[in-house]
Every structure is written in structure tokens, then in C-alpha cells.
Amino acid sequence: MRYYNFKNIGFSMIELLISMVVASIIIIGVYSFLTSSQRSFTMVQANDGMNRSMQMTNRNITDYLKMAGFRNYHMVVKGATFKEATYNFGSGASDVHFANNSYIAADGTDGSKKHEIFLRYYGSSIDDDLNINGKNFDENKNNNRRMFDCAGTFLNRDKLAVIRLYIDDSVTHPGLMCQQIIVDVSTPSNPKAGEVETFLVNPDVRFMMFAFRSDDRSQFFLPFEMDSYSKDVVKNYTTVNSIRYGFIIQQSTHQKATSIKGNTLEYHLLGMDDAKDKVTIPSTGDSTNDMYNLISGLAYAKNRFFE
């Protein structure tokens, strides 16, 4: 029969201390790995959100710029064009004046990096695509869903959309907004404008600029250099054939991610390499939760016409 001395079973103090040190190293390593993985995952999410936000904004602005100036066949037959008109978008917005034959207008001072652009275009229908001047027009049946308003609602051929794209400064975190006035032009001689409606397009947009180029010219002009009533065709919106645009998107990473010191983060919104289109992101001290990126592009005025 064996006898055990249980007084000698167990760990010594040295063995226990060594075990605690090894366990602590393992725990610290695992914690560091998990923390690093969490930060990496958060940054990947932020970058993914930034890319989606940039794609959405770019798609939205190009869609609106491409629709600007559209006249459907039905309106051409009726003789409806873009007449000289003034529209008011309510509190906080100046009246916008469209010259005759003009479907673009813009606002923005020399120092402003938050321009506004105004566009006009008609709706459309299947009959218009077929060049059929049908008398029995059915809005629900013949709406071909090609032209739409700020809400994404499709416009029929008896509607004129007047659109305002701008940055809202009235709230803590501004964003790209779309305002609209939908005009019933079923009777061209007596158009009836609806109420002003406002929609949020993208809350991540912080700055927005536009520049315009006319026929046979290489130079782009900013809104404060343009004039709808100017006799100089180079600076008149009726002759604009292309529009350059630029946005700055801001996205939160939900963690201390970057450092912006000494006002070193600069963007040229329109790629003009000029102080007129330069935006400097203010210094944030040691770190910030936000990341920024620039979208810029060029859209052509495909629907331009002369009466």
C-alpha cells in the first residue's frame, strides 16, 4: 500500500509568480490584438461608408446636371420653352432669376466654398420617346420614369421641375440638400407653381463648388463671374456647355484616427489650382474622429437648346 504526503502537493510561490507573469503577457497580447482588430474594423467601415457616400453624391449630382434643360416632345409640339422667370425658395434663400432660354443659374461669392446651383427641366413619357403627340395622355400609364424630382418621384410630361442644390448651414452638421418647386405646365400660357419642398440628399457633404464653361472656350468661370443677362456669351448661362463640380465629404471614424495640425489639410475643389477654389480644413489639435475626401468631376449640358 502506497502513502502520499499531501503536504508536498501544489505549486511553489516561484511557480505561481511565473504562471501569473506568463498569463498576464498572454492576456495583454490578446487584448492588444483585439483592440487593434477593432480599430482596423472600424476604419474599414468608415472607409466603406466614405466610398459609398462619395459614389452616391457623385451619381446624384451628375443625374441632376444631365437632366437640366430637358424638353419632352410633347412640350416641343406645344411650343413650351424655358421662359424668363423668378422663383423664391422661401426663408434663407435668395430669389433665383432665370433668363430666357436659360435652365441653369448659380449663386456663390468669391470667398464662398458652398455654392448653390439651380436647374430647370421637364418630365417625360413613353409617348415622347415615340414622338407621338397623343391626345389621350394617361399620367400613370405613360410615365416612362426617366425624369425625376428631389424625392425620386418620376415626373410626367406636363410638369416642370425647378431644383435648388445647396449646403444647409442652419444646423450643427450641414449636408447637401435638394429643394424643388414643381410647376404644372399643362397650360403653358398659365403655369401653376406648387409649394417649396426640401429633401436631404447626403448629410456628409461639407463644401460644394461649381464652375461653368461656354462654347469654344477653355476657361471655367465661377458663379460670381457669371451673369444670366450678360451680353458676353462666354459668361452667360444660356451658352454653358459643361459644368465642373467639386464636393468635400466628411465621415466619422468613431475613434481618434487622424491629426490635422497647422491647417495643413487643403483641397482644390475644382482642380483649378487657384485660391478661389481652395478649402482648408481647420486645425483640430491633436486628433480628430473625422476623415475627409474630395469628389470632383465634369458634366456636359446635353439638353441645351436655343429658341
C-alpha atoms as a PDB file:
ATOM      1  CA  MET A   1       0.000   0.000   0.000  1.00  0.00           C
ATOM      2  CA  ARG A   2       1.304   3.474  -1.011  1.00  0.00           C
ATOM      3  CA  TYR A   3       1.078   6.506   1.157  1.00  0.00           C
ATOM      4  CA  TYR A   4       1.140  10.078  -0.204  1.00  0.00           C
ATOM      5  CA  ASN A   5       2.363  13.101   1.639  1.00  0.00           C
ATOM      6  CA  PHE A   6      -0.252  15.680   0.664  1.00  0.00           C
ATOM      7  CA  LYS A   7       1.683  18.458   2.362  1.00  0.00           C
ATOM      8  CA  ASN A   8       4.131  18.440  -0.593  1.00  0.00           C
ATOM      9  CA  ILE A   9       1.446  18.630  -3.365  1.00  0.00           C
ATOM     10  CA  GLY A  10       0.855  22.082  -5.083  1.00  0.00           C
ATOM     11  CA  PHE A  11       2.775  24.998  -6.658  1.00  0.00           C
ATOM     12  CA  SER A  12       5.585  26.831  -5.109  1.00  0.00           C
ATOM     13  CA  MET A  13       5.454  30.636  -4.829  1.00  0.00           C
ATOM     14  CA  ILE A  14       8.015  30.980  -7.632  1.00  0.00           C
ATOM     15  CA  GLU A  15       5.979  28.718  -9.935  1.00  0.00           C
ATOM     16  CA  LEU A  16       2.820  30.691  -9.181  1.00  0.00           C
ATOM     17  CA  LEU A  17       4.526  34.020  -9.912  1.00  0.00           C
ATOM     18  CA  ILE A  18       5.917  32.680 -13.195  1.00  0.00           C
ATOM     19  CA  SER A  19       2.451  31.416 -14.183  1.00  0.00           C
ATOM     20  CA  MET A  20       0.893  34.808 -13.416  1.00  0.00           C
ATOM     21  CA  VAL A  21       3.523  36.626 -15.473  1.00  0.00           C
ATOM     22  CA  VAL A  22       3.033  34.292 -18.447  1.00  0.00           C
ATOM     23  CA  ALA A  23      -0.769  34.597 -18.178  1.00  0.00           C
ATOM     24  CA  SER A  24      -0.513  38.393 -17.991  1.00  0.00           C
ATOM     25  CA  ILE A  25       1.650  38.504 -21.126  1.00  0.00           C
ATOM     26  CA  ILE A  26      -0.853  36.323 -22.983  1.00  0.00           C
ATOM     27  CA  ILE A  27      -3.828  38.425 -21.818  1.00  0.00           C
ATOM     28  CA  ILE A  28      -2.089  41.694 -22.760  1.00  0.00           C
ATOM     29  CA  GLY A  29      -1.239  40.277 -26.174  1.00  0.00           C
ATOM     30  CA  VAL A  30      -4.783  39.084 -26.785  1.00  0.00           C
ATOM     31  CA  TYR A  31      -6.192  42.453 -25.620  1.00  0.00           C
ATOM     32  CA  SER A  32      -3.791  44.360 -27.892  1.00  0.00           C
ATOM     33  CA  PHE A  33      -4.748  42.141 -30.816  1.00  0.00           C
ATOM     34  CA  LEU A  34      -8.475  42.593 -30.178  1.00  0.00           C
ATOM     35  CA  THR A  35      -8.062  46.379 -29.777  1.00  0.00           C
ATOM     36  CA  SER A  36      -6.050  46.603 -32.981  1.00  0.00           C
ATOM     37  CA  SER A  37      -8.590  44.451 -34.808  1.00  0.00           C
ATOM     38  CA  GLN A  38     -11.424  46.621 -33.511  1.00  0.00           C
ATOM     39  CA  ARG A  39      -9.696  49.795 -34.725  1.00  0.00           C
ATOM     40  CA  SER A  40      -8.947  48.233 -38.096  1.00  0.00           C
ATOM     41  CA  PHE A  41     -12.537  47.029 -38.475  1.00  0.00           C
ATOM     42  CA  THR A  42     -13.863  50.484 -37.546  1.00  0.00           C
ATOM     43  CA  MET A  43     -11.557  52.151 -40.079  1.00  0.00           C
ATOM     44  CA  VAL A  44     -12.619  49.684 -42.782  1.00  0.00           C
ATOM     45  CA  GLN A  45     -16.251  50.517 -42.012  1.00  0.00           C
ATOM     46  CA  ALA A  46     -15.503  54.254 -42.145  1.00  0.00           C
ATOM     47  CA  ASN A  47     -13.689  53.894 -45.471  1.00  0.00           C
ATOM     48  CA  ASP A  48     -16.550  51.816 -46.854  1.00  0.00           C
ATOM     49  CA  GLY A  49     -19.038  54.468 -45.690  1.00  0.00           C
ATOM     50  CA  MET A  50     -16.883  57.186 -47.270  1.00  0.00           C
ATOM     51  CA  ASN A  51     -16.738  55.369 -50.611  1.00  0.00           C
ATOM     52  CA  ARG A  52     -20.486  54.742 -50.655  1.00  0.00           C
ATOM     53  CA  SER A  53     -21.173  58.367 -49.707  1.00  0.00           C
ATOM     54  CA  MET A  54     -18.871  59.627 -52.477  1.00  0.00           C
ATOM     55  CA  GLN A  55     -20.432  57.353 -55.093  1.00  0.00           C
ATOM     56  CA  MET A  56     -23.955  58.358 -54.081  1.00  0.00           C
ATOM     57  CA  THR A  57     -23.189  62.081 -54.165  1.00  0.00           C
ATOM     58  CA  ASN A  58     -21.398  61.857 -57.495  1.00  0.00           C
ATOM     59  CA  ARG A  59     -24.271  59.867 -59.018  1.00  0.00           C
ATOM     60  CA  ASN A  60     -26.885  62.276 -57.671  1.00  0.00           C
ATOM     61  CA  ILE A  61     -25.223  65.451 -58.890  1.00  0.00           C
ATOM     62  CA  THR A  62     -24.474  64.072 -62.346  1.00  0.00           C
ATOM     63  CA  ASP A  63     -28.053  62.816 -62.672  1.00  0.00           C
ATOM     64  CA  TYR A  64     -29.439  66.288 -61.961  1.00  0.00           C
ATOM     65  CA  LEU A  65     -26.945  68.060 -64.214  1.00  0.00           C
ATOM     66  CA  LYS A  66     -27.742  65.670 -67.074  1.00  0.00           C
ATOM     67  CA  MET A  67     -31.489  66.246 -66.693  1.00  0.00           C
ATOM     68  CA  ALA A  68     -31.103  70.035 -66.740  1.00  0.00           C
ATOM     69  CA  GLY A  69     -32.686  71.622 -69.800  1.00  0.00           C
ATOM     70  CA  PHE A  70     -34.686  68.572 -70.896  1.00  0.00           C
ATOM     71  CA  ARG A  71     -37.790  69.300 -73.011  1.00  0.00           C
ATOM     72  CA  ASN A  72     -40.049  66.429 -73.959  1.00  0.00           C
ATOM     73  CA  TYR A  73     -41.553  66.029 -77.411  1.00  0.00           C
ATOM     74  CA  HIS A  74     -44.986  66.916 -76.096  1.00  0.00           C
ATOM     75  CA  MET A  75     -43.735  70.312 -74.876  1.00  0.00           C
ATOM     76  CA  VAL A  76     -41.818  70.963 -78.077  1.00  0.00           C
ATOM     77  CA  VAL A  77     -45.031  70.432 -80.048  1.00  0.00           C
ATOM     78  CA  LYS A  78     -46.857  72.800 -77.690  1.00  0.00           C
ATOM     79  CA  GLY A  79     -44.114  75.376 -78.118  1.00  0.00           C
ATOM     80  CA  ALA A  80     -43.217  75.398 -74.432  1.00  0.00           C
ATOM     81  CA  THR A  81     -39.669  76.613 -73.747  1.00  0.00           C
ATOM     82  CA  PHE A  82     -37.772  77.981 -70.769  1.00  0.00           C
ATOM     83  CA  LYS A  83     -39.117  81.482 -70.380  1.00  0.00           C
ATOM     84  CA  GLU A  84     -37.631  84.207 -68.212  1.00  0.00           C
ATOM     85  CA  ALA A  85     -38.845  83.576 -64.664  1.00  0.00           C
ATOM     86  CA  THR A  86     -38.103  84.238 -60.997  1.00  0.00           C
ATOM     87  CA  TYR A  87     -38.611  81.684 -58.224  1.00  0.00           C
ATOM     88  CA  ASN A  88     -38.475  82.036 -54.447  1.00  0.00           C
ATOM     89  CA  PHE A  89     -37.431  79.072 -52.314  1.00  0.00           C
ATOM     90  CA  GLY A  90     -38.531  80.601 -49.026  1.00  0.00           C
ATOM     91  CA  SER A  91     -36.707  81.708 -45.891  1.00  0.00           C
ATOM     92  CA  GLY A  92     -32.927  81.729 -46.099  1.00  0.00           C
ATOM     93  CA  ALA A  93     -32.855  81.606 -49.897  1.00  0.00           C
ATOM     94  CA  SER A  94     -32.496  84.451 -52.366  1.00  0.00           C
ATOM     95  CA  ASP A  95     -34.766  84.715 -55.382  1.00  0.00           C
ATOM     96  CA  VAL A  96     -33.339  82.914 -58.395  1.00  0.00           C
ATOM     97  CA  HIS A  97     -33.659  84.586 -61.784  1.00  0.00           C
ATOM     98  CA  PHE A  98     -33.622  82.535 -64.971  1.00  0.00           C
ATOM     99  CA  ALA A  99     -33.072  84.402 -68.209  1.00  0.00           C
ATOM    100  CA  ASN A 100     -34.944  83.442 -71.357  1.00  0.00           C
ATOM    101  CA  ASN A 101     -33.682  80.098 -72.736  1.00  0.00           C
ATOM    102  CA  SER A 102     -31.708  79.556 -69.531  1.00  0.00           C
ATOM    103  CA  TYR A 103     -32.116  76.396 -67.486  1.00  0.00           C
ATOM    104  CA  ILE A 104     -29.066  76.896 -65.221  1.00  0.00           C
ATOM    105  CA  ALA A 105     -28.384  79.502 -62.553  1.00  0.00           C
ATOM    106  CA  ALA A 106     -25.968  79.549 -59.639  1.00  0.00           C
ATOM    107  CA  ASP A 107     -25.055  81.550 -56.570  1.00  0.00           C
ATOM    108  CA  GLY A 108     -21.796  81.895 -54.668  1.00  0.00           C
ATOM    109  CA  THR A 109     -19.475  84.747 -53.719  1.00  0.00           C
ATOM    110  CA  ASP A 110     -15.760  84.975 -54.370  1.00  0.00           C
ATOM    111  CA  GLY A 111     -14.921  83.626 -50.904  1.00  0.00           C
ATOM    112  CA  SER A 112     -17.754  81.131 -50.638  1.00  0.00           C
ATOM    113  CA  LYS A 113     -16.997  77.435 -50.976  1.00  0.00           C
ATOM    114  CA  LYS A 114     -20.666  76.492 -50.553  1.00  0.00           C
ATOM    115  CA  HIS A 115     -22.170  77.334 -53.914  1.00  0.00           C
ATOM    116  CA  GLU A 116     -25.792  76.803 -54.891  1.00  0.00           C
ATOM    117  CA  ILE A 117     -26.987  75.658 -58.291  1.00  0.00           C
ATOM    118  CA  PHE A 118     -30.489  75.961 -59.767  1.00  0.00           C
ATOM    119  CA  LEU A 119     -31.775  73.790 -62.620  1.00  0.00           C
ATOM    120  CA  ARG A 120     -34.952  73.523 -64.711  1.00  0.00           C
ATOM    121  CA  TYR A 121     -36.235  70.563 -66.732  1.00  0.00           C
ATOM    122  CA  TYR A 122     -39.495  68.980 -67.904  1.00  0.00           C
ATOM    123  CA  GLY A 123     -40.807  65.475 -67.238  1.00  0.00           C
ATOM    124  CA  SER A 124     -41.319  62.873 -69.956  1.00  0.00           C
ATOM    125  CA  SER A 125     -43.481  59.980 -71.120  1.00  0.00           C
ATOM    126  CA  ILE A 126     -43.420  56.943 -73.368  1.00  0.00           C
ATOM    127  CA  ASP A 127     -45.325  58.965 -75.966  1.00  0.00           C
ATOM    128  CA  ASP A 128     -42.445  61.432 -76.020  1.00  0.00           C
ATOM    129  CA  ASP A 129     -39.916  58.699 -76.725  1.00  0.00           C
ATOM    130  CA  LEU A 130     -42.038  57.554 -79.652  1.00  0.00           C
ATOM    131  CA  ASN A 131     -42.597  61.129 -80.828  1.00  0.00           C
ATOM    132  CA  ILE A 132     -46.339  60.644 -80.550  1.00  0.00           C
ATOM    133  CA  ASN A 133     -48.390  63.698 -79.772  1.00  0.00           C
ATOM    134  CA  GLY A 134     -51.148  61.626 -78.207  1.00  0.00           C
ATOM    135  CA  LYS A 135     -54.370  63.309 -77.113  1.00  0.00           C
ATOM    136  CA  ASN A 136     -55.378  60.678 -74.543  1.00  0.00           C
ATOM    137  CA  PHE A 137     -52.448  61.098 -72.188  1.00  0.00           C
ATOM    138  CA  ASP A 138     -52.535  58.854 -69.106  1.00  0.00           C
ATOM    139  CA  GLU A 139     -50.021  60.010 -66.473  1.00  0.00           C
ATOM    140  CA  ASN A 140     -49.747  56.649 -64.706  1.00  0.00           C
ATOM    141  CA  LYS A 141     -49.643  54.576 -67.875  1.00  0.00           C
ATOM    142  CA  ASN A 142     -47.318  56.700 -69.974  1.00  0.00           C
ATOM    143  CA  ASN A 143     -44.814  57.825 -67.362  1.00  0.00           C
ATOM    144  CA  ASN A 144     -41.559  56.253 -68.531  1.00  0.00           C
ATOM    145  CA  ARG A 145     -39.688  57.005 -65.294  1.00  0.00           C
ATOM    146  CA  ARG A 146     -36.781  58.749 -66.945  1.00  0.00           C
ATOM    147  CA  MET A 147     -37.059  62.184 -65.303  1.00  0.00           C
ATOM    148  CA  PHE A 148     -37.426  62.524 -61.533  1.00  0.00           C
ATOM    149  CA  ASP A 149     -37.525  65.161 -58.789  1.00  0.00           C
ATOM    150  CA  CYS A 150     -35.707  65.617 -55.455  1.00  0.00           C
ATOM    151  CA  ALA A 151     -37.789  62.908 -53.803  1.00  0.00           C
ATOM    152  CA  GLY A 152     -37.074  60.400 -56.570  1.00  0.00           C
ATOM    153  CA  THR A 153     -40.667  60.740 -57.810  1.00  0.00           C
ATOM    154  CA  PHE A 154     -40.967  60.425 -61.571  1.00  0.00           C
ATOM    155  CA  LEU A 155     -42.206  63.472 -63.462  1.00  0.00           C
ATOM    156  CA  ASN A 156     -44.799  63.282 -66.196  1.00  0.00           C
ATOM    157  CA  ARG A 157     -44.536  65.443 -69.284  1.00  0.00           C
ATOM    158  CA  ASP A 158     -46.867  68.167 -68.004  1.00  0.00           C
ATOM    159  CA  LYS A 159     -44.564  69.049 -65.092  1.00  0.00           C
ATOM    160  CA  LEU A 160     -41.592  71.399 -64.889  1.00  0.00           C
ATOM    161  CA  ALA A 161     -39.104  70.837 -62.063  1.00  0.00           C
ATOM    162  CA  VAL A 162     -37.177  73.806 -60.643  1.00  0.00           C
ATOM    163  CA  ILE A 163     -34.380  72.369 -58.479  1.00  0.00           C
ATOM    164  CA  ARG A 164     -32.062  74.014 -55.954  1.00  0.00           C
ATOM    165  CA  LEU A 165     -28.979  72.091 -54.713  1.00  0.00           C
ATOM    166  CA  TYR A 166     -27.213  73.688 -51.734  1.00  0.00           C
ATOM    167  CA  ILE A 167     -25.389  73.126 -48.428  1.00  0.00           C
ATOM    168  CA  ASP A 168     -27.579  73.688 -45.371  1.00  0.00           C
ATOM    169  CA  ASP A 169     -25.788  75.900 -42.798  1.00  0.00           C
ATOM    170  CA  SER A 170     -28.740  76.258 -40.448  1.00  0.00           C
ATOM    171  CA  VAL A 171     -27.969  73.098 -38.461  1.00  0.00           C
ATOM    172  CA  THR A 172     -24.974  71.853 -36.459  1.00  0.00           C
ATOM    173  CA  HIS A 173     -23.996  69.324 -39.113  1.00  0.00           C
ATOM    174  CA  PRO A 174     -24.887  70.663 -42.574  1.00  0.00           C
ATOM    175  CA  GLY A 175     -25.404  68.485 -45.593  1.00  0.00           C
ATOM    176  CA  LEU A 176     -26.330  68.511 -49.259  1.00  0.00           C
ATOM    177  CA  MET A 177     -29.975  69.493 -49.654  1.00  0.00           C
ATOM    178  CA  CYS A 178     -32.335  69.457 -52.612  1.00  0.00           C
ATOM    179  CA  GLN A 179     -35.254  71.877 -52.805  1.00  0.00           C
ATOM    180  CA  GLN A 180     -37.853  71.839 -55.528  1.00  0.00           C
ATOM    181  CA  ILE A 181     -40.766  73.743 -56.964  1.00  0.00           C
ATOM    182  CA  ILE A 182     -42.876  71.594 -59.288  1.00  0.00           C
ATOM    183  CA  VAL A 183     -44.740  73.657 -61.858  1.00  0.00           C
ATOM    184  CA  ASP A 184     -47.846  72.402 -63.645  1.00  0.00           C
ATOM    185  CA  VAL A 185     -47.376  73.434 -67.273  1.00  0.00           C
ATOM    186  CA  SER A 186     -50.287  71.539 -68.816  1.00  0.00           C
ATOM    187  CA  THR A 187     -51.376  75.003 -69.904  1.00  0.00           C
ATOM    188  CA  PRO A 188     -48.078  76.670 -70.957  1.00  0.00           C
ATOM    189  CA  SER A 189     -49.598  80.131 -71.020  1.00  0.00           C
ATOM    190  CA  ASN A 190     -50.697  79.769 -67.381  1.00  0.00           C
ATOM    191  CA  PRO A 191     -48.154  77.683 -65.395  1.00  0.00           C
ATOM    192  CA  LYS A 192     -49.032  76.933 -61.755  1.00  0.00           C
ATOM    193  CA  ALA A 193     -46.167  76.571 -59.294  1.00  0.00           C
ATOM    194  CA  GLY A 194     -46.504  74.247 -56.311  1.00  0.00           C
ATOM    195  CA  GLU A 195     -45.109  74.646 -52.791  1.00  0.00           C
ATOM    196  CA  VAL A 196     -41.413  74.531 -51.959  1.00  0.00           C
ATOM    197  CA  GLU A 197     -40.316  71.057 -50.813  1.00  0.00           C
ATOM    198  CA  THR A 198     -36.977  70.234 -49.155  1.00  0.00           C
ATOM    199  CA  PHE A 199     -35.132  66.905 -49.061  1.00  0.00           C
ATOM    200  CA  LEU A 200     -31.825  65.776 -47.585  1.00  0.00           C
ATOM    201  CA  VAL A 201     -29.558  64.254 -50.240  1.00  0.00           C
ATOM    202  CA  ASN A 202     -26.417  63.489 -48.236  1.00  0.00           C
ATOM    203  CA  PRO A 203     -25.562  64.606 -44.660  1.00  0.00           C
ATOM    204  CA  ASP A 204     -21.819  64.038 -45.238  1.00  0.00           C
ATOM    205  CA  VAL A 205     -21.271  66.867 -47.762  1.00  0.00           C
ATOM    206  CA  ARG A 206     -19.498  69.903 -46.244  1.00  0.00           C
ATOM    207  CA  PHE A 207     -18.440  72.054 -49.203  1.00  0.00           C
ATOM    208  CA  MET A 208     -19.647  72.337 -52.798  1.00  0.00           C
ATOM    209  CA  MET A 209     -18.495  74.422 -55.756  1.00  0.00           C
ATOM    210  CA  PHE A 210     -19.380  74.770 -59.435  1.00  0.00           C
ATOM    211  CA  ALA A 211     -17.698  76.380 -62.438  1.00  0.00           C
ATOM    212  CA  PHE A 212     -19.093  76.861 -65.946  1.00  0.00           C
ATOM    213  CA  ARG A 213     -17.649  76.783 -69.462  1.00  0.00           C
ATOM    214  CA  SER A 214     -19.256  78.038 -72.658  1.00  0.00           C
ATOM    215  CA  ASP A 215     -18.865  77.144 -76.321  1.00  0.00           C
ATOM    216  CA  ASP A 216     -15.368  77.155 -77.798  1.00  0.00           C
ATOM    217  CA  ARG A 217     -13.802  78.306 -74.525  1.00  0.00           C
ATOM    218  CA  SER A 218     -11.309  76.508 -72.319  1.00  0.00           C
ATOM    219  CA  GLN A 219     -11.714  78.689 -69.239  1.00  0.00           C
ATOM    220  CA  PHE A 220     -14.216  77.927 -66.480  1.00  0.00           C
ATOM    221  CA  PHE A 221     -15.985  80.722 -64.596  1.00  0.00           C
ATOM    222  CA  LEU A 222     -17.301  80.691 -61.025  1.00  0.00           C
ATOM    223  CA  PRO A 223     -20.894  81.767 -60.225  1.00  0.00           C
ATOM    224  CA  PHE A 224     -19.948  85.282 -59.119  1.00  0.00           C
ATOM    225  CA  GLU A 225     -18.311  85.764 -62.543  1.00  0.00           C
ATOM    226  CA  MET A 226     -21.422  84.671 -64.436  1.00  0.00           C
ATOM    227  CA  ASP A 227     -24.460  86.759 -65.397  1.00  0.00           C
ATOM    228  CA  SER A 228     -27.667  85.387 -66.889  1.00  0.00           C
ATOM    229  CA  TYR A 229     -28.343  88.729 -68.555  1.00  0.00           C
ATOM    230  CA  SER A 230     -24.814  89.459 -69.753  1.00  0.00           C
ATOM    231  CA  LYS A 231     -24.292  90.211 -73.433  1.00  0.00           C
ATOM    232  CA  ASP A 232     -20.955  88.433 -73.129  1.00  0.00           C
ATOM    233  CA  VAL A 233     -21.891  84.948 -74.290  1.00  0.00           C
ATOM    234  CA  VAL A 234     -18.852  83.491 -72.528  1.00  0.00           C
ATOM    235  CA  LYS A 235     -20.321  84.408 -69.145  1.00  0.00           C
ATOM    236  CA  ASN A 236     -23.983  83.846 -69.951  1.00  0.00           C
ATOM    237  CA  TYR A 237     -25.671  80.686 -68.632  1.00  0.00           C
ATOM    238  CA  THR A 238     -27.563  80.177 -71.896  1.00  0.00           C
ATOM    239  CA  THR A 239     -24.296  79.237 -73.629  1.00  0.00           C
ATOM    240  CA  VAL A 240     -22.932  76.906 -70.933  1.00  0.00           C
ATOM    241  CA  ASN A 241     -21.958  73.541 -72.393  1.00  0.00           C
ATOM    242  CA  SER A 242     -20.139  71.933 -69.439  1.00  0.00           C
ATOM    243  CA  ILE A 243     -20.152  72.199 -65.667  1.00  0.00           C
ATOM    244  CA  ARG A 244     -17.266  71.365 -63.356  1.00  0.00           C
ATOM    245  CA  TYR A 245     -18.184  70.386 -59.810  1.00  0.00           C
ATOM    246  CA  GLY A 246     -16.409  69.535 -56.567  1.00  0.00           C
ATOM    247  CA  PHE A 247     -17.502  68.290 -53.125  1.00  0.00           C
ATOM    248  CA  ILE A 248     -15.828  67.560 -49.814  1.00  0.00           C
ATOM    249  CA  ILE A 249     -17.202  64.568 -47.935  1.00  0.00           C
ATOM    250  CA  GLN A 250     -16.729  64.188 -44.176  1.00  0.00           C
ATOM    251  CA  GLN A 251     -17.060  60.792 -42.495  1.00  0.00           C
ATOM    252  CA  SER A 252     -16.723  59.951 -38.796  1.00  0.00           C
ATOM    253  CA  THR A 253     -14.453  57.029 -37.836  1.00  0.00           C
ATOM    254  CA  HIS A 254     -15.885  56.966 -34.257  1.00  0.00           C
ATOM    255  CA  GLN A 255     -12.367  56.939 -32.883  1.00  0.00           C
ATOM    256  CA  LYS A 256      -9.317  59.176 -32.639  1.00  0.00           C
ATOM    257  CA  ALA A 257      -8.000  58.498 -36.081  1.00  0.00           C
ATOM    258  CA  THR A 258      -6.034  61.340 -37.606  1.00  0.00           C
ATOM    259  CA  SER A 259      -4.245  64.518 -36.706  1.00  0.00           C
ATOM    260  CA  ILE A 260      -4.797  67.796 -38.546  1.00  0.00           C
ATOM    261  CA  LYS A 261      -2.332  70.385 -37.289  1.00  0.00           C
ATOM    262  CA  GLY A 262      -1.435  73.805 -38.567  1.00  0.00           C
ATOM    263  CA  ASN A 263      -4.239  73.965 -41.145  1.00  0.00           C
ATOM    264  CA  THR A 264      -2.344  71.613 -43.432  1.00  0.00           C
ATOM    265  CA  LEU A 265      -5.311  69.724 -44.932  1.00  0.00           C
ATOM    266  CA  GLU A 266      -6.143  71.548 -48.169  1.00  0.00           C
ATOM    267  CA  TYR A 267      -8.287  70.708 -51.186  1.00  0.00           C
ATOM    268  CA  HIS A 268      -8.841  72.412 -54.532  1.00  0.00           C
ATOM    269  CA  LEU A 269     -12.482  71.568 -55.129  1.00  0.00           C
ATOM    270  CA  LEU A 270     -12.449  72.256 -58.861  1.00  0.00           C
ATOM    271  CA  GLY A 271      -8.839  71.328 -59.597  1.00  0.00           C
ATOM    272  CA  MET A 272      -8.179  74.914 -60.653  1.00  0.00           C
ATOM    273  CA  ASP A 273      -5.016  75.294 -58.550  1.00  0.00           C
ATOM    274  CA  ASP A 274      -6.281  78.685 -57.500  1.00  0.00           C
ATOM    275  CA  ALA A 275      -7.099  80.249 -54.151  1.00  0.00           C
ATOM    276  CA  LYS A 276     -10.654  80.724 -55.393  1.00  0.00           C
ATOM    277  CA  ASP A 277     -11.445  77.013 -55.144  1.00  0.00           C
ATOM    278  CA  LYS A 278      -9.170  76.087 -52.210  1.00  0.00           C
ATOM    279  CA  VAL A 279     -10.688  74.754 -48.982  1.00  0.00           C
ATOM    280  CA  THR A 280      -8.623  74.357 -45.809  1.00  0.00           C
ATOM    281  CA  ILE A 281      -9.900  72.039 -43.095  1.00  0.00           C
ATOM    282  CA  PRO A 282      -9.441  73.853 -39.732  1.00  0.00           C
ATOM    283  CA  SER A 283      -6.877  72.563 -37.261  1.00  0.00           C
ATOM    284  CA  THR A 284      -8.303  70.037 -34.807  1.00  0.00           C
ATOM    285  CA  GLY A 285      -5.425  69.997 -32.321  1.00  0.00           C
ATOM    286  CA  ASP A 286      -4.028  66.575 -31.511  1.00  0.00           C
ATOM    287  CA  SER A 287      -6.564  64.334 -33.173  1.00  0.00           C
ATOM    288  CA  THR A 288      -9.992  64.079 -34.742  1.00  0.00           C
ATOM    289  CA  ASN A 289     -12.645  61.448 -35.273  1.00  0.00           C
ATOM    290  CA  ASP A 290     -13.264  62.533 -38.872  1.00  0.00           C
ATOM    291  CA  MET A 291     -11.804  61.760 -42.251  1.00  0.00           C
ATOM    292  CA  TYR A 292     -12.273  63.868 -45.395  1.00  0.00           C
ATOM    293  CA  ASN A 293     -12.198  63.240 -49.123  1.00  0.00           C
ATOM    294  CA  LEU A 294     -12.773  65.138 -52.345  1.00  0.00           C
ATOM    295  CA  ILE A 295     -15.084  64.371 -55.266  1.00  0.00           C
ATOM    296  CA  SER A 296     -14.680  66.323 -58.477  1.00  0.00           C
ATOM    297  CA  GLY A 297     -15.920  65.813 -61.977  1.00  0.00           C
ATOM    298  CA  LEU A 298     -17.251  67.291 -65.196  1.00  0.00           C
ATOM    299  CA  ALA A 299     -20.785  67.090 -66.579  1.00  0.00           C
ATOM    300  CA  TYR A 300     -21.884  68.156 -70.051  1.00  0.00           C
ATOM    301  CA  ALA A 301     -25.025  70.160 -70.745  1.00  0.00           C
ATOM    302  CA  LYS A 302     -26.545  67.611 -73.106  1.00  0.00           C
ATOM    303  CA  ASN A 303     -30.025  69.188 -73.254  1.00  0.00           C
ATOM    304  CA  ARG A 304     -29.016  72.731 -74.130  1.00  0.00           C
ATOM    305  CA  PHE A 305     -31.017  74.417 -76.854  1.00  0.00           C
ATOM    306  CA  PHE A 306     -31.693  77.828 -78.385  1.00  0.00           C
ATOM    307  CA  GLU A 307     -35.197  79.086 -79.058  1.00  0.00           C
END
